[in-house]
Amino acid sequence: MSIVKINAITVPADSGDELARRFAGRANAVDGQPGFEGFELLQPSDGRNVWLVVTRWADEESYEAWRKSASFGHGHGRPGAGAEGAAGAEERQRPVGVSAELWSFEVADLGQ
């Protein structure tokens, strides 16, 4: 049964475009991961400052394997995640969001 992970990222009003730019720069980076089923970046359209990063996975094990992978570390600016120039590493260390919260869901079985 599929699972859904939603990262709710609160960003300052003037930082949404930067968040979208960073995700665009990593577009399709997770596509080849075993168990990955889909990704969406949801931009608020009602005046909120919380963006949603929605991913869908075949199961919790697939998600956890990706979260513990070098690919995840590299994409999230973790130390030791890859060789890049000092300027690039410095930029990655400055988060766009002021807070983030991870929500986890299972796709409901509607018995159909």
C-alpha atoms as a PDB file:
ATOM      1  CA  MET A   1       0.000   0.000   0.000  1.00  0.00           C
ATOM      2  CA  SER A   2       1.362   3.407  -0.956  1.00  0.00           C
ATOM      3  CA  ILE A   3       2.413   5.971   1.601  1.00  0.00           C
ATOM      4  CA  VAL A   4       2.531   9.746   1.253  1.00  0.00           C
ATOM      5  CA  LYS A   5       5.086  12.027   2.905  1.00  0.00           C
ATOM      6  CA  ILE A   6       4.323  15.740   3.041  1.00  0.00           C
ATOM      7  CA  ASN A   7       6.991  18.199   4.084  1.00  0.00           C
ATOM      8  CA  ALA A   8       5.193  21.413   5.118  1.00  0.00           C
ATOM      9  CA  ILE A   9       7.779  24.190   4.761  1.00  0.00           C
ATOM     10  CA  THR A  10       7.082  27.641   6.157  1.00  0.00           C
ATOM     11  CA  VAL A  11       8.918  30.325   4.189  1.00  0.00           C
ATOM     12  CA  PRO A  12       9.107  34.109   4.535  1.00  0.00           C
ATOM     13  CA  ALA A  13       6.767  35.895   2.103  1.00  0.00           C
ATOM     14  CA  ASP A  14       9.650  36.891  -0.173  1.00  0.00           C
ATOM     15  CA  SER A  15      11.312  33.448  -0.291  1.00  0.00           C
ATOM     16  CA  GLY A  16       8.799  31.261  -2.117  1.00  0.00           C
ATOM     17  CA  ASP A  17      10.372  31.885  -5.511  1.00  0.00           C
ATOM     18  CA  GLU A  18      13.769  30.819  -4.140  1.00  0.00           C
ATOM     19  CA  LEU A  19      12.271  27.628  -2.732  1.00  0.00           C
ATOM     20  CA  ALA A  20      10.722  26.816  -6.114  1.00  0.00           C
ATOM     21  CA  ARG A  21      14.035  27.590  -7.871  1.00  0.00           C
ATOM     22  CA  ARG A  22      15.929  25.190  -5.626  1.00  0.00           C
ATOM     23  CA  PHE A  23      13.427  22.404  -6.222  1.00  0.00           C
ATOM     24  CA  ALA A  24      13.515  23.047  -9.970  1.00  0.00           C
ATOM     25  CA  GLY A  25      17.301  22.646  -9.821  1.00  0.00           C
ATOM     26  CA  ARG A  26      16.812  19.163  -8.353  1.00  0.00           C
ATOM     27  CA  ALA A  27      13.899  18.160 -10.573  1.00  0.00           C
ATOM     28  CA  ASN A  28      13.707  14.413 -11.140  1.00  0.00           C
ATOM     29  CA  ALA A  29      16.592  13.730  -8.731  1.00  0.00           C
ATOM     30  CA  VAL A  30      14.551  11.178  -6.795  1.00  0.00           C
ATOM     31  CA  ASP A  31      12.856   9.563  -9.814  1.00  0.00           C
ATOM     32  CA  GLY A  32      15.200   6.565  -9.976  1.00  0.00           C
ATOM     33  CA  GLN A  33      14.864   5.612  -6.317  1.00  0.00           C
ATOM     34  CA  PRO A  34      13.309   2.178  -5.714  1.00  0.00           C
ATOM     35  CA  GLY A  35       9.719   2.533  -4.529  1.00  0.00           C
ATOM     36  CA  PHE A  36       9.360   6.194  -5.525  1.00  0.00           C
ATOM     37  CA  GLU A  37       5.989   6.886  -7.141  1.00  0.00           C
ATOM     38  CA  GLY A  38       5.654  10.659  -7.469  1.00  0.00           C
ATOM     39  CA  PHE A  39       6.492  14.199  -6.412  1.00  0.00           C
ATOM     40  CA  GLU A  40       4.668  17.540  -6.321  1.00  0.00           C
ATOM     41  CA  LEU A  41       5.632  20.950  -4.980  1.00  0.00           C
ATOM     42  CA  LEU A  42       2.467  22.775  -3.951  1.00  0.00           C
ATOM     43  CA  GLN A  43       2.614  26.568  -3.852  1.00  0.00           C
ATOM     44  CA  PRO A  44       0.054  28.294  -1.618  1.00  0.00           C
ATOM     45  CA  SER A  45      -2.569  30.291  -3.503  1.00  0.00           C
ATOM     46  CA  ASP A  46      -4.538  31.598  -0.524  1.00  0.00           C
ATOM     47  CA  GLY A  47      -2.048  33.935   1.139  1.00  0.00           C
ATOM     48  CA  ARG A  48      -0.429  31.290   3.344  1.00  0.00           C
ATOM     49  CA  ASN A  49       3.333  30.992   3.623  1.00  0.00           C
ATOM     50  CA  VAL A  50       3.472  27.189   3.874  1.00  0.00           C
ATOM     51  CA  TRP A  51       4.571  25.250   0.790  1.00  0.00           C
ATOM     52  CA  LEU A  52       3.951  21.485   0.605  1.00  0.00           C
ATOM     53  CA  VAL A  53       6.427  18.988  -0.783  1.00  0.00           C
ATOM     54  CA  VAL A  54       4.362  15.874  -1.489  1.00  0.00           C
ATOM     55  CA  THR A  55       6.011  12.548  -2.289  1.00  0.00           C
ATOM     56  CA  ARG A  56       4.429   9.150  -2.748  1.00  0.00           C
ATOM     57  CA  TRP A  57       6.241   5.877  -2.063  1.00  0.00           C
ATOM     58  CA  ALA A  58       5.451   2.188  -2.469  1.00  0.00           C
ATOM     59  CA  ASP A  59       6.112   1.610   1.238  1.00  0.00           C
ATOM     60  CA  GLU A  60       7.800   3.017   4.335  1.00  0.00           C
ATOM     61  CA  GLU A  61      10.942   0.953   3.716  1.00  0.00           C
ATOM     62  CA  SER A  62      11.475   2.571   0.308  1.00  0.00           C
ATOM     63  CA  TYR A  63      11.095   6.042   1.786  1.00  0.00           C
ATOM     64  CA  GLU A  64      13.494   5.287   4.654  1.00  0.00           C
ATOM     65  CA  ALA A  65      16.090   3.799   2.277  1.00  0.00           C
ATOM     66  CA  TRP A  66      16.004   7.026   0.223  1.00  0.00           C
ATOM     67  CA  ARG A  67      16.100   9.223   3.354  1.00  0.00           C
ATOM     68  CA  LYS A  68      19.254   7.427   4.523  1.00  0.00           C
ATOM     69  CA  SER A  69      20.907   7.520   1.089  1.00  0.00           C
ATOM     70  CA  ALA A  70      23.757   9.696  -0.158  1.00  0.00           C
ATOM     71  CA  SER A  71      21.345  11.057  -2.770  1.00  0.00           C
ATOM     72  CA  PHE A  72      19.106  12.469  -0.029  1.00  0.00           C
ATOM     73  CA  GLY A  73      22.080  13.938   1.810  1.00  0.00           C
ATOM     74  CA  HIS A  74      23.400  15.562  -1.334  1.00  0.00           C
ATOM     75  CA  GLY A  75      20.020  17.038  -2.233  1.00  0.00           C
ATOM     76  CA  HIS A  76      19.551  18.428   1.250  1.00  0.00           C
ATOM     77  CA  GLY A  77      23.006  19.983   1.635  1.00  0.00           C
ATOM     78  CA  ARG A  78      24.280  17.570   4.266  1.00  0.00           C
ATOM     79  CA  PRO A  79      27.996  17.572   5.041  1.00  0.00           C
ATOM     80  CA  GLY A  80      29.935  14.906   3.177  1.00  0.00           C
ATOM     81  CA  ALA A  81      27.184  14.588   0.612  1.00  0.00           C
ATOM     82  CA  GLY A  82      29.329  15.343  -2.384  1.00  0.00           C
ATOM     83  CA  ALA A  83      32.159  17.436  -3.732  1.00  0.00           C
ATOM     84  CA  GLU A  84      31.057  20.914  -4.647  1.00  0.00           C
ATOM     85  CA  GLY A  85      32.631  24.342  -4.513  1.00  0.00           C
ATOM     86  CA  ALA A  86      32.681  26.319  -1.270  1.00  0.00           C
ATOM     87  CA  ALA A  87      30.154  28.835  -2.599  1.00  0.00           C
ATOM     88  CA  GLY A  88      27.692  26.086  -3.583  1.00  0.00           C
ATOM     89  CA  ALA A  89      28.049  24.337  -0.234  1.00  0.00           C
ATOM     90  CA  GLU A  90      27.609  27.613   1.613  1.00  0.00           C
ATOM     91  CA  GLU A  91      24.423  28.413  -0.342  1.00  0.00           C
ATOM     92  CA  ARG A  92      22.955  24.978   0.375  1.00  0.00           C
ATOM     93  CA  GLN A  93      23.533  25.374   4.109  1.00  0.00           C
ATOM     94  CA  ARG A  94      21.275  28.445   4.259  1.00  0.00           C
ATOM     95  CA  PRO A  95      17.730  27.086   4.355  1.00  0.00           C
ATOM     96  CA  VAL A  96      14.957  29.000   2.638  1.00  0.00           C
ATOM     97  CA  GLY A  97      12.340  27.863   5.118  1.00  0.00           C
ATOM     98  CA  VAL A  98      12.030  29.069   8.674  1.00  0.00           C
ATOM     99  CA  SER A  99      10.477  25.766   9.776  1.00  0.00           C
ATOM    100  CA  ALA A 100       9.414  22.411   8.379  1.00  0.00           C
ATOM    101  CA  GLU A 101       7.131  19.656   9.560  1.00  0.00           C
ATOM    102  CA  LEU A 102       6.921  16.132   8.107  1.00  0.00           C
ATOM    103  CA  TRP A 103       3.453  14.600   7.802  1.00  0.00           C
ATOM    104  CA  SER A 104       2.988  10.896   7.025  1.00  0.00           C
ATOM    105  CA  PHE A 105      -0.085   9.243   5.527  1.00  0.00           C
ATOM    106  CA  GLU A 106      -1.162   5.894   4.160  1.00  0.00           C
ATOM    107  CA  VAL A 107      -3.492   5.776   1.206  1.00  0.00           C
ATOM    108  CA  ALA A 108      -6.849   4.700   2.632  1.00  0.00           C
ATOM    109  CA  ASP A 109      -8.270   1.371   1.543  1.00  0.00           C
ATOM    110  CA  LEU A 110     -11.837   2.182   0.518  1.00  0.00           C
ATOM    111  CA  GLY A 111     -12.677  -1.486   0.099  1.00  0.00           C
ATOM    112  CA  GLN A 112     -13.599  -1.154  -3.560  1.00  0.00           C
END
